[in-house]
Amino acid sequence: MRVFLTGASGGIGSAVLPELLSAGHEVFALVRSDASAQAVTAAGATAVRGDLTDPQSLRDGAEQADGVIHLAFNNDFTNIEKSIAEEAVAIETLGSVLQGSGRPFVVASGTPIVPGRLSTEDDPMATDGPMGGRGRNAQAVLALAQEGVRSATVRLPRSVHAADGRFGFASFLVATARRTGVSGFVGDGTQRWPAVHRLDTARLFRLVLENASPGTIAHAVADEGDTMLSMAEIIGRRLSLPVDAVPPKSFGFLGTIFALDQPSSSAITREKFGWQPTRPSLLEDLETGQYLA
């Protein structure tokens, strides 16, 4: 399959790219810089110059592809509304090319929060709160199932991690601990976050691209729920810092999200796609992660 991949040099995309290539797919990767172009070319993909604010580059990539995985997102948390708006325009552009083609279109979104239980693939998108716009963008992709697109979203947990120092939202715990001198948690720290290793995530994106039916929701969840306290304890021990409760505002606008219990399940996804996570857990990666320097 000829696959157009956005975000190919990002934390998740850089794992999805070799996963696709190793499975025999031909990849056209959207890149913004010479360095990214060199990296994806060296990996075996074809570079397509452009970005999310350049609709023509998105059209060019999608028109020559048999399927699209859209992962690019401007992680500027100082202006998240702008980043979400850019993503919405990119999705609209890609969707307009794919309409009526029967080709797959896979995007990333987030697992929802369901009070009192694990969230599942059957739960609706999270469309409220600081990141609610991303849920609405994912809904727009799923709606393309009615327009002849094999649309799907892979809902990601709070931490997509690897021991190389990329821990998803858990990276904010590390950064805040360094800045404040305290490895902090919110409340009593018993609230749970789901997590998944980036290489397990990459495999699921490939499986969804290849096999998902129109309108599919998949959950890339390996650890159903690690407590915030357990994360803070490991970070504190490794950075030789005290561990203590801190106000939610210590983590900026994400503090309100961090305070919530948000475990999630991937049982439906595992059964549907035969996906079985095999890589280290978030807590294991925090124990061995490269974030001391």
C-alpha atoms as a PDB file:
ATOM      1  CA  MET A   1       0.000   0.000   0.000  1.00  0.00           C
ATOM      2  CA  ARG A   2       1.178   3.530  -0.755  1.00  0.00           C
ATOM      3  CA  VAL A   3       0.714   5.404   2.537  1.00  0.00           C
ATOM      4  CA  PHE A   4       0.798   9.151   3.123  1.00  0.00           C
ATOM      5  CA  LEU A   5       2.061   9.748   6.659  1.00  0.00           C
ATOM      6  CA  THR A   6       2.036  13.108   8.430  1.00  0.00           C
ATOM      7  CA  GLY A   7       4.056  13.630  11.588  1.00  0.00           C
ATOM      8  CA  ALA A   8       6.605  11.063  10.426  1.00  0.00           C
ATOM      9  CA  SER A   9       9.451  12.636  12.406  1.00  0.00           C
ATOM     10  CA  GLY A  10       7.447  13.044  15.627  1.00  0.00           C
ATOM     11  CA  GLY A  11       7.455  10.859  18.708  1.00  0.00           C
ATOM     12  CA  ILE A  12       4.816   8.444  17.403  1.00  0.00           C
ATOM     13  CA  GLY A  13       5.269   8.944  13.670  1.00  0.00           C
ATOM     14  CA  SER A  14       8.962   8.091  13.847  1.00  0.00           C
ATOM     15  CA  ALA A  15       7.918   4.660  15.134  1.00  0.00           C
ATOM     16  CA  VAL A  16       5.014   4.243  12.695  1.00  0.00           C
ATOM     17  CA  LEU A  17       7.276   4.947   9.699  1.00  0.00           C
ATOM     18  CA  PRO A  18       9.603   1.923  10.121  1.00  0.00           C
ATOM     19  CA  GLU A  19       6.624  -0.232  11.138  1.00  0.00           C
ATOM     20  CA  LEU A  20       4.949   0.520   7.797  1.00  0.00           C
ATOM     21  CA  LEU A  21       8.125   0.049   5.796  1.00  0.00           C
ATOM     22  CA  SER A  22       8.955  -3.265   7.455  1.00  0.00           C
ATOM     23  CA  ALA A  23       5.477  -4.510   6.526  1.00  0.00           C
ATOM     24  CA  GLY A  24       6.165  -3.758   2.862  1.00  0.00           C
ATOM     25  CA  HIS A  25       4.251  -0.506   2.508  1.00  0.00           C
ATOM     26  CA  GLU A  26       5.577   2.412   0.456  1.00  0.00           C
ATOM     27  CA  VAL A  27       5.517   5.614   2.522  1.00  0.00           C
ATOM     28  CA  PHE A  28       5.247   9.253   1.480  1.00  0.00           C
ATOM     29  CA  ALA A  29       6.077  11.348   4.541  1.00  0.00           C
ATOM     30  CA  LEU A  30       5.136  14.999   5.067  1.00  0.00           C
ATOM     31  CA  VAL A  31       8.192  16.979   6.233  1.00  0.00           C
ATOM     32  CA  ARG A  32       8.798  20.636   7.062  1.00  0.00           C
ATOM     33  CA  SER A  33      12.598  20.784   7.257  1.00  0.00           C
ATOM     34  CA  ASP A  34      15.692  19.552   5.472  1.00  0.00           C
ATOM     35  CA  ALA A  35      16.642  17.534   8.549  1.00  0.00           C
ATOM     36  CA  SER A  36      13.280  15.751   8.582  1.00  0.00           C
ATOM     37  CA  ALA A  37      13.495  15.135   4.842  1.00  0.00           C
ATOM     38  CA  GLN A  38      16.914  13.557   5.253  1.00  0.00           C
ATOM     39  CA  ALA A  39      15.714  11.404   8.156  1.00  0.00           C
ATOM     40  CA  VAL A  40      12.667   9.968   6.392  1.00  0.00           C
ATOM     41  CA  THR A  41      14.595   9.455   3.166  1.00  0.00           C
ATOM     42  CA  ALA A  42      17.338   7.593   5.033  1.00  0.00           C
ATOM     43  CA  ALA A  43      14.663   5.403   6.587  1.00  0.00           C
ATOM     44  CA  GLY A  44      13.369   4.465   3.132  1.00  0.00           C
ATOM     45  CA  ALA A  45      10.407   6.799   2.656  1.00  0.00           C
ATOM     46  CA  THR A  46       9.757   9.540   0.110  1.00  0.00           C
ATOM     47  CA  ALA A  47       9.692  13.071   1.519  1.00  0.00           C
ATOM     48  CA  VAL A  48       6.784  15.393   0.673  1.00  0.00           C
ATOM     49  CA  ARG A  49       7.627  18.981   1.598  1.00  0.00           C
ATOM     50  CA  GLY A  50       4.924  20.976   3.369  1.00  0.00           C
ATOM     51  CA  ASP A  51       3.068  21.287   6.672  1.00  0.00           C
ATOM     52  CA  LEU A  52      -0.405  21.460   8.191  1.00  0.00           C
ATOM     53  CA  THR A  53      -0.831  25.073   7.097  1.00  0.00           C
ATOM     54  CA  ASP A  54      -0.076  24.205   3.457  1.00  0.00           C
ATOM     55  CA  PRO A  55      -3.243  22.527   2.105  1.00  0.00           C
ATOM     56  CA  GLN A  56      -1.710  21.846  -1.300  1.00  0.00           C
ATOM     57  CA  SER A  57       1.048  19.706   0.185  1.00  0.00           C
ATOM     58  CA  LEU A  58      -1.608  17.679   2.017  1.00  0.00           C
ATOM     59  CA  ARG A  59      -3.595  17.230  -1.181  1.00  0.00           C
ATOM     60  CA  ASP A  60      -0.486  16.204  -3.089  1.00  0.00           C
ATOM     61  CA  GLY A  61       0.362  13.555  -0.525  1.00  0.00           C
ATOM     62  CA  ALA A  62      -3.159  12.159  -0.220  1.00  0.00           C
ATOM     63  CA  GLU A  63      -3.816  12.066  -3.965  1.00  0.00           C
ATOM     64  CA  GLN A  64      -0.925   9.685  -4.627  1.00  0.00           C
ATOM     65  CA  ALA A  65      -1.678   7.412  -1.654  1.00  0.00           C
ATOM     66  CA  ASP A  66      -3.780   4.304  -1.111  1.00  0.00           C
ATOM     67  CA  GLY A  67      -4.259   5.333   2.509  1.00  0.00           C
ATOM     68  CA  VAL A  68      -3.456   8.117   4.983  1.00  0.00           C
ATOM     69  CA  ILE A  69      -2.242   8.123   8.590  1.00  0.00           C
ATOM     70  CA  HIS A  70      -2.433  11.625  10.026  1.00  0.00           C
ATOM     71  CA  LEU A  71      -0.300  12.146  13.153  1.00  0.00           C
ATOM     72  CA  ALA A  72       1.086  15.666  12.753  1.00  0.00           C
ATOM     73  CA  PHE A  73       0.057  18.042  15.516  1.00  0.00           C
ATOM     74  CA  ASN A  74       1.613  21.286  16.679  1.00  0.00           C
ATOM     75  CA  ASN A  75       2.169  20.567  20.373  1.00  0.00           C
ATOM     76  CA  ASP A  76       2.227  24.222  21.360  1.00  0.00           C
ATOM     77  CA  PHE A  77       0.500  24.101  24.731  1.00  0.00           C
ATOM     78  CA  THR A  78       0.703  27.884  25.034  1.00  0.00           C
ATOM     79  CA  ASN A  79      -1.868  28.164  22.230  1.00  0.00           C
ATOM     80  CA  ILE A  80      -3.611  24.806  22.044  1.00  0.00           C
ATOM     81  CA  GLU A  81      -6.694  26.302  20.375  1.00  0.00           C
ATOM     82  CA  LYS A  82      -4.584  27.344  17.380  1.00  0.00           C
ATOM     83  CA  SER A  83      -3.033  23.887  17.137  1.00  0.00           C
ATOM     84  CA  ILE A  84      -6.453  22.222  17.207  1.00  0.00           C
ATOM     85  CA  ALA A  85      -7.775  24.627  14.561  1.00  0.00           C
ATOM     86  CA  GLU A  86      -4.831  23.807  12.288  1.00  0.00           C
ATOM     87  CA  GLU A  87      -5.533  20.108  12.724  1.00  0.00           C
ATOM     88  CA  ALA A  88      -9.204  20.648  11.830  1.00  0.00           C
ATOM     89  CA  VAL A  89      -8.276  22.325   8.542  1.00  0.00           C
ATOM     90  CA  ALA A  90      -5.784  19.571   7.726  1.00  0.00           C
ATOM     91  CA  ILE A  91      -8.395  16.873   8.378  1.00  0.00           C
ATOM     92  CA  GLU A  92     -10.925  18.672   6.204  1.00  0.00           C
ATOM     93  CA  THR A  93      -8.359  18.934   3.400  1.00  0.00           C
ATOM     94  CA  LEU A  94      -7.315  15.276   3.565  1.00  0.00           C
ATOM     95  CA  GLY A  95     -10.919  14.119   3.864  1.00  0.00           C
ATOM     96  CA  SER A  96     -11.944  16.055   0.753  1.00  0.00           C
ATOM     97  CA  VAL A  97      -9.345  14.146  -1.274  1.00  0.00           C
ATOM     98  CA  LEU A  98     -10.350  10.744   0.115  1.00  0.00           C
ATOM     99  CA  GLN A  99     -14.128  11.147  -0.175  1.00  0.00           C
ATOM    100  CA  GLY A 100     -15.768   8.354  -2.158  1.00  0.00           C
ATOM    101  CA  SER A 101     -12.509   6.444  -2.635  1.00  0.00           C
ATOM    102  CA  GLY A 102     -12.906   3.687  -0.039  1.00  0.00           C
ATOM    103  CA  ARG A 103      -9.335   4.391   1.067  1.00  0.00           C
ATOM    104  CA  PRO A 104      -8.351   4.288   4.760  1.00  0.00           C
ATOM    105  CA  PHE A 105      -7.867   7.469   6.770  1.00  0.00           C
ATOM    106  CA  VAL A 106      -6.496   6.943  10.288  1.00  0.00           C
ATOM    107  CA  VAL A 107      -5.963   9.684  12.876  1.00  0.00           C
ATOM    108  CA  ALA A 108      -4.901   9.885  16.502  1.00  0.00           C
ATOM    109  CA  SER A 109      -7.131  11.035  19.348  1.00  0.00           C
ATOM    110  CA  GLY A 110      -7.339  10.437  23.106  1.00  0.00           C
ATOM    111  CA  THR A 111      -9.019   7.892  25.339  1.00  0.00           C
ATOM    112  CA  PRO A 112     -12.081   9.376  27.061  1.00  0.00           C
ATOM    113  CA  ILE A 113     -12.609   9.760  30.794  1.00  0.00           C
ATOM    114  CA  VAL A 114     -15.573   7.836  32.210  1.00  0.00           C
ATOM    115  CA  PRO A 115     -16.203   8.387  35.928  1.00  0.00           C
ATOM    116  CA  GLY A 116     -16.090   5.226  38.008  1.00  0.00           C
ATOM    117  CA  ARG A 117     -14.854   2.731  35.407  1.00  0.00           C
ATOM    118  CA  LEU A 118     -12.476   1.923  32.587  1.00  0.00           C
ATOM    119  CA  SER A 119     -13.323   3.720  29.350  1.00  0.00           C
ATOM    120  CA  THR A 120     -13.829   1.474  26.326  1.00  0.00           C
ATOM    121  CA  GLU A 121     -13.934   1.791  22.567  1.00  0.00           C
ATOM    122  CA  ASP A 122     -17.738   2.015  22.786  1.00  0.00           C
ATOM    123  CA  ASP A 123     -17.620   5.250  24.793  1.00  0.00           C
ATOM    124  CA  PRO A 124     -18.118   8.537  22.909  1.00  0.00           C
ATOM    125  CA  MET A 125     -15.311  10.928  22.106  1.00  0.00           C
ATOM    126  CA  ALA A 126     -14.198  13.385  24.745  1.00  0.00           C
ATOM    127  CA  THR A 127     -15.252  16.755  23.293  1.00  0.00           C
ATOM    128  CA  ASP A 128     -15.125  18.952  26.406  1.00  0.00           C
ATOM    129  CA  GLY A 129     -12.220  20.440  28.304  1.00  0.00           C
ATOM    130  CA  PRO A 130      -8.876  21.842  27.107  1.00  0.00           C
ATOM    131  CA  MET A 131      -8.300  19.037  24.569  1.00  0.00           C
ATOM    132  CA  GLY A 132     -11.940  18.552  23.570  1.00  0.00           C
ATOM    133  CA  GLY A 133     -11.318  20.027  20.142  1.00  0.00           C
ATOM    134  CA  ARG A 134      -9.158  17.060  19.236  1.00  0.00           C
ATOM    135  CA  GLY A 135     -12.095  14.787  20.000  1.00  0.00           C
ATOM    136  CA  ARG A 136     -14.290  16.842  17.704  1.00  0.00           C
ATOM    137  CA  ASN A 137     -11.649  16.578  14.984  1.00  0.00           C
ATOM    138  CA  ALA A 138     -11.618  12.805  15.370  1.00  0.00           C
ATOM    139  CA  GLN A 139     -15.406  12.770  15.152  1.00  0.00           C
ATOM    140  CA  ALA A 140     -15.156  14.589  11.828  1.00  0.00           C
ATOM    141  CA  VAL A 141     -12.880  11.832  10.542  1.00  0.00           C
ATOM    142  CA  LEU A 142     -15.222   9.066  11.699  1.00  0.00           C
ATOM    143  CA  ALA A 143     -18.134  10.850   9.993  1.00  0.00           C
ATOM    144  CA  LEU A 144     -16.313  10.362   6.680  1.00  0.00           C
ATOM    145  CA  ALA A 145     -17.385   6.715   6.895  1.00  0.00           C
ATOM    146  CA  GLN A 146     -20.684   7.984   5.461  1.00  0.00           C
ATOM    147  CA  GLU A 147     -18.774   9.603   2.586  1.00  0.00           C
ATOM    148  CA  GLY A 148     -17.002   6.527   1.249  1.00  0.00           C
ATOM    149  CA  VAL A 149     -13.873   6.722   3.412  1.00  0.00           C
ATOM    150  CA  ARG A 150     -12.558   3.819   5.521  1.00  0.00           C
ATOM    151  CA  SER A 151     -12.070   6.159   8.449  1.00  0.00           C
ATOM    152  CA  ALA A 152     -10.710   5.232  11.873  1.00  0.00           C
ATOM    153  CA  THR A 153      -9.186   6.768  14.974  1.00  0.00           C
ATOM    154  CA  VAL A 154      -6.638   5.253  17.316  1.00  0.00           C
ATOM    155  CA  ARG A 155      -7.315   6.706  20.756  1.00  0.00           C
ATOM    156  CA  LEU A 156      -4.075   7.202  22.653  1.00  0.00           C
ATOM    157  CA  PRO A 157      -3.617   7.117  26.434  1.00  0.00           C
ATOM    158  CA  ARG A 158      -2.041   9.902  28.466  1.00  0.00           C
ATOM    159  CA  SER A 159       1.462   8.491  28.125  1.00  0.00           C
ATOM    160  CA  VAL A 160       2.879   7.065  24.907  1.00  0.00           C
ATOM    161  CA  HIS A 161       6.351   6.273  26.149  1.00  0.00           C
ATOM    162  CA  ALA A 162       9.807   4.884  25.498  1.00  0.00           C
ATOM    163  CA  ALA A 163      12.912   4.697  27.657  1.00  0.00           C
ATOM    164  CA  ASP A 164      14.680   7.235  25.421  1.00  0.00           C
ATOM    165  CA  GLY A 165      13.032   9.985  27.463  1.00  0.00           C
ATOM    166  CA  ARG A 166       9.690  10.394  25.664  1.00  0.00           C
ATOM    167  CA  PHE A 167       6.912   9.663  28.145  1.00  0.00           C
ATOM    168  CA  GLY A 168       3.880  11.522  26.816  1.00  0.00           C
ATOM    169  CA  PHE A 169       2.112  13.448  29.562  1.00  0.00           C
ATOM    170  CA  ALA A 170       4.418  11.845  32.129  1.00  0.00           C
ATOM    171  CA  SER A 171       7.150  14.029  30.635  1.00  0.00           C
ATOM    172  CA  PHE A 172       5.360  16.989  32.242  1.00  0.00           C
ATOM    173  CA  LEU A 173       5.851  15.316  35.620  1.00  0.00           C
ATOM    174  CA  VAL A 174       9.591  15.041  34.950  1.00  0.00           C
ATOM    175  CA  ALA A 175       9.878  18.621  33.687  1.00  0.00           C
ATOM    176  CA  THR A 176       7.862  20.040  36.582  1.00  0.00           C
ATOM    177  CA  ALA A 177       9.928  18.090  39.106  1.00  0.00           C
ATOM    178  CA  ARG A 178      13.111  19.554  37.641  1.00  0.00           C
ATOM    179  CA  ARG A 179      11.672  23.070  37.677  1.00  0.00           C
ATOM    180  CA  THR A 180      10.191  23.031  41.173  1.00  0.00           C
ATOM    181  CA  GLY A 181      12.506  20.636  43.013  1.00  0.00           C
ATOM    182  CA  VAL A 182       9.569  18.411  44.014  1.00  0.00           C
ATOM    183  CA  SER A 183       8.309  15.287  42.245  1.00  0.00           C
ATOM    184  CA  GLY A 184       4.655  16.144  42.504  1.00  0.00           C
ATOM    185  CA  PHE A 185       1.284  14.477  42.282  1.00  0.00           C
ATOM    186  CA  VAL A 186      -2.205  15.969  42.480  1.00  0.00           C
ATOM    187  CA  GLY A 187      -4.614  15.143  45.298  1.00  0.00           C
ATOM    188  CA  ASP A 188      -3.836  11.809  46.947  1.00  0.00           C
ATOM    189  CA  GLY A 189      -2.153  10.494  43.800  1.00  0.00           C
ATOM    190  CA  THR A 190      -4.452   7.496  43.409  1.00  0.00           C
ATOM    191  CA  GLN A 191      -5.883   8.719  40.106  1.00  0.00           C
ATOM    192  CA  ARG A 192      -4.873   6.400  37.261  1.00  0.00           C
ATOM    193  CA  TRP A 193      -3.512   7.100  33.786  1.00  0.00           C
ATOM    194  CA  PRO A 194      -3.472   4.580  30.938  1.00  0.00           C
ATOM    195  CA  ALA A 195      -0.234   4.155  28.993  1.00  0.00           C
ATOM    196  CA  VAL A 196       1.355   2.363  26.032  1.00  0.00           C
ATOM    197  CA  HIS A 197       4.820   1.924  24.561  1.00  0.00           C
ATOM    198  CA  ARG A 198       5.373   3.815  21.310  1.00  0.00           C
ATOM    199  CA  LEU A 199       6.415   0.649  19.407  1.00  0.00           C
ATOM    200  CA  ASP A 200       3.227  -1.161  20.431  1.00  0.00           C
ATOM    201  CA  THR A 201       1.332   1.946  19.307  1.00  0.00           C
ATOM    202  CA  ALA A 202       3.036   1.901  15.914  1.00  0.00           C
ATOM    203  CA  ARG A 203       1.997  -1.691  15.317  1.00  0.00           C
ATOM    204  CA  LEU A 204      -1.622  -0.878  16.117  1.00  0.00           C
ATOM    205  CA  PHE A 205      -1.673   2.049  13.686  1.00  0.00           C
ATOM    206  CA  ARG A 206      -0.503  -0.323  10.951  1.00  0.00           C
ATOM    207  CA  LEU A 207      -3.098  -2.949  11.829  1.00  0.00           C
ATOM    208  CA  VAL A 208      -5.883  -0.364  11.827  1.00  0.00           C
ATOM    209  CA  LEU A 209      -4.724   1.045   8.489  1.00  0.00           C
ATOM    210  CA  GLU A 210      -4.728  -2.414   6.938  1.00  0.00           C
ATOM    211  CA  ASN A 211      -7.852  -3.921   8.481  1.00  0.00           C
ATOM    212  CA  ALA A 212     -10.240  -1.419  10.076  1.00  0.00           C
ATOM    213  CA  SER A 213     -13.788  -1.086   8.802  1.00  0.00           C
ATOM    214  CA  PRO A 214     -15.256   2.409   8.257  1.00  0.00           C
ATOM    215  CA  GLY A 215     -15.900   4.330  11.466  1.00  0.00           C
ATOM    216  CA  THR A 216     -13.622   2.218  13.675  1.00  0.00           C
ATOM    217  CA  ILE A 217     -12.443   3.344  17.119  1.00  0.00           C
ATOM    218  CA  ALA A 218      -9.392   1.541  18.500  1.00  0.00           C
ATOM    219  CA  HIS A 219      -7.675   1.934  21.874  1.00  0.00           C
ATOM    220  CA  ALA A 220      -3.868   1.843  22.048  1.00  0.00           C
ATOM    221  CA  VAL A 221      -3.837   0.944  25.739  1.00  0.00           C
ATOM    222  CA  ALA A 222      -1.331  -1.438  27.305  1.00  0.00           C
ATOM    223  CA  ASP A 223      -1.382  -0.363  30.985  1.00  0.00           C
ATOM    224  CA  GLU A 224      -4.993   0.237  31.960  1.00  0.00           C
ATOM    225  CA  GLY A 225      -4.074   2.604  34.778  1.00  0.00           C
ATOM    226  CA  ASP A 226      -0.850   3.593  36.554  1.00  0.00           C
ATOM    227  CA  THR A 227      -1.340   5.858  39.571  1.00  0.00           C
ATOM    228  CA  MET A 228       0.078   9.363  39.488  1.00  0.00           C
ATOM    229  CA  LEU A 229       1.703   8.659  42.850  1.00  0.00           C
ATOM    230  CA  SER A 230       3.561   5.624  41.482  1.00  0.00           C
ATOM    231  CA  MET A 231       4.955   7.754  38.663  1.00  0.00           C
ATOM    232  CA  ALA A 232       5.949  10.582  41.009  1.00  0.00           C
ATOM    233  CA  GLU A 233       7.702   8.147  43.347  1.00  0.00           C
ATOM    234  CA  ILE A 234       9.877   6.721  40.573  1.00  0.00           C
ATOM    235  CA  ILE A 235      10.704  10.183  39.201  1.00  0.00           C
ATOM    236  CA  GLY A 236      11.534  11.473  42.676  1.00  0.00           C
ATOM    237  CA  ARG A 237      13.786   8.538  43.431  1.00  0.00           C
ATOM    238  CA  ARG A 238      15.646   8.789  40.126  1.00  0.00           C
ATOM    239  CA  LEU A 239      16.075  12.577  40.360  1.00  0.00           C
ATOM    240  CA  SER A 240      16.816  12.464  44.106  1.00  0.00           C
ATOM    241  CA  LEU A 241      13.911  14.814  44.838  1.00  0.00           C
ATOM    242  CA  PRO A 242      11.214  14.757  47.529  1.00  0.00           C
ATOM    243  CA  VAL A 243       7.797  13.402  46.543  1.00  0.00           C
ATOM    244  CA  ASP A 244       4.764  15.387  47.639  1.00  0.00           C
ATOM    245  CA  ALA A 245       1.301  16.588  46.684  1.00  0.00           C
ATOM    246  CA  VAL A 246       1.281  19.819  44.659  1.00  0.00           C
ATOM    247  CA  PRO A 247      -1.510  22.109  43.405  1.00  0.00           C
ATOM    248  CA  PRO A 248      -2.928  21.216  39.964  1.00  0.00           C
ATOM    249  CA  LYS A 249      -1.758  24.626  38.701  1.00  0.00           C
ATOM    250  CA  SER A 250       1.826  23.362  39.024  1.00  0.00           C
ATOM    251  CA  PHE A 251       1.192  21.549  35.729  1.00  0.00           C
ATOM    252  CA  GLY A 252      -0.436  24.489  33.949  1.00  0.00           C
ATOM    253  CA  PHE A 253      -3.736  23.978  32.168  1.00  0.00           C
ATOM    254  CA  LEU A 254      -3.105  20.213  32.133  1.00  0.00           C
ATOM    255  CA  GLY A 255      -3.368  20.134  35.929  1.00  0.00           C
ATOM    256  CA  THR A 256      -7.146  19.769  35.811  1.00  0.00           C
ATOM    257  CA  ILE A 257      -6.743  16.717  33.549  1.00  0.00           C
ATOM    258  CA  PHE A 258      -4.023  15.238  35.751  1.00  0.00           C
ATOM    259  CA  ALA A 259      -6.345  15.359  38.757  1.00  0.00           C
ATOM    260  CA  LEU A 260      -8.890  12.993  37.177  1.00  0.00           C
ATOM    261  CA  ASP A 261      -9.056   9.216  37.422  1.00  0.00           C
ATOM    262  CA  GLN A 262      -9.001   8.078  33.794  1.00  0.00           C
ATOM    263  CA  PRO A 263      -8.221   4.361  33.355  1.00  0.00           C
ATOM    264  CA  SER A 264      -8.985   2.772  30.005  1.00  0.00           C
ATOM    265  CA  SER A 265      -9.355  -0.643  28.380  1.00  0.00           C
ATOM    266  CA  SER A 266      -8.301  -2.003  24.983  1.00  0.00           C
ATOM    267  CA  ALA A 267     -10.095  -5.368  25.228  1.00  0.00           C
ATOM    268  CA  ILE A 268     -12.240  -4.745  22.135  1.00  0.00           C
ATOM    269  CA  THR A 269      -9.240  -3.600  20.107  1.00  0.00           C
ATOM    270  CA  ARG A 270      -7.172  -6.628  21.102  1.00  0.00           C
ATOM    271  CA  GLU A 271      -9.930  -9.006  20.061  1.00  0.00           C
ATOM    272  CA  LYS A 272     -10.702  -7.205  16.810  1.00  0.00           C
ATOM    273  CA  PHE A 273      -7.141  -6.718  15.567  1.00  0.00           C
ATOM    274  CA  GLY A 274      -5.213  -9.442  17.376  1.00  0.00           C
ATOM    275  CA  TRP A 275      -3.079  -6.705  18.918  1.00  0.00           C
ATOM    276  CA  GLN A 276      -1.108  -7.685  21.995  1.00  0.00           C
ATOM    277  CA  PRO A 277       1.280  -5.160  23.614  1.00  0.00           C
ATOM    278  CA  THR A 278       4.671  -6.710  24.353  1.00  0.00           C
ATOM    279  CA  ARG A 279       6.928  -3.768  25.212  1.00  0.00           C
ATOM    280  CA  PRO A 280       7.879  -2.415  28.670  1.00  0.00           C
ATOM    281  CA  SER A 281       5.297  -0.622  30.794  1.00  0.00           C
ATOM    282  CA  LEU A 282       5.386   3.095  31.592  1.00  0.00           C
ATOM    283  CA  LEU A 283       6.653   2.436  35.113  1.00  0.00           C
ATOM    284  CA  GLU A 284       9.413   0.213  33.744  1.00  0.00           C
ATOM    285  CA  ASP A 285      10.468   2.882  31.272  1.00  0.00           C
ATOM    286  CA  LEU A 286      10.464   5.547  33.981  1.00  0.00           C
ATOM    287  CA  GLU A 287      12.721   3.290  36.054  1.00  0.00           C
ATOM    288  CA  THR A 288      15.273   2.997  33.244  1.00  0.00           C
ATOM    289  CA  GLY A 289      14.534   6.125  31.200  1.00  0.00           C
ATOM    290  CA  GLN A 290      17.158   8.527  29.969  1.00  0.00           C
ATOM    291  CA  TYR A 291      16.094  11.690  31.786  1.00  0.00           C
ATOM    292  CA  LEU A 292      18.728  12.146  34.482  1.00  0.00           C
ATOM    293  CA  ALA A 293      21.033  14.419  32.419  1.00  0.00           C
END
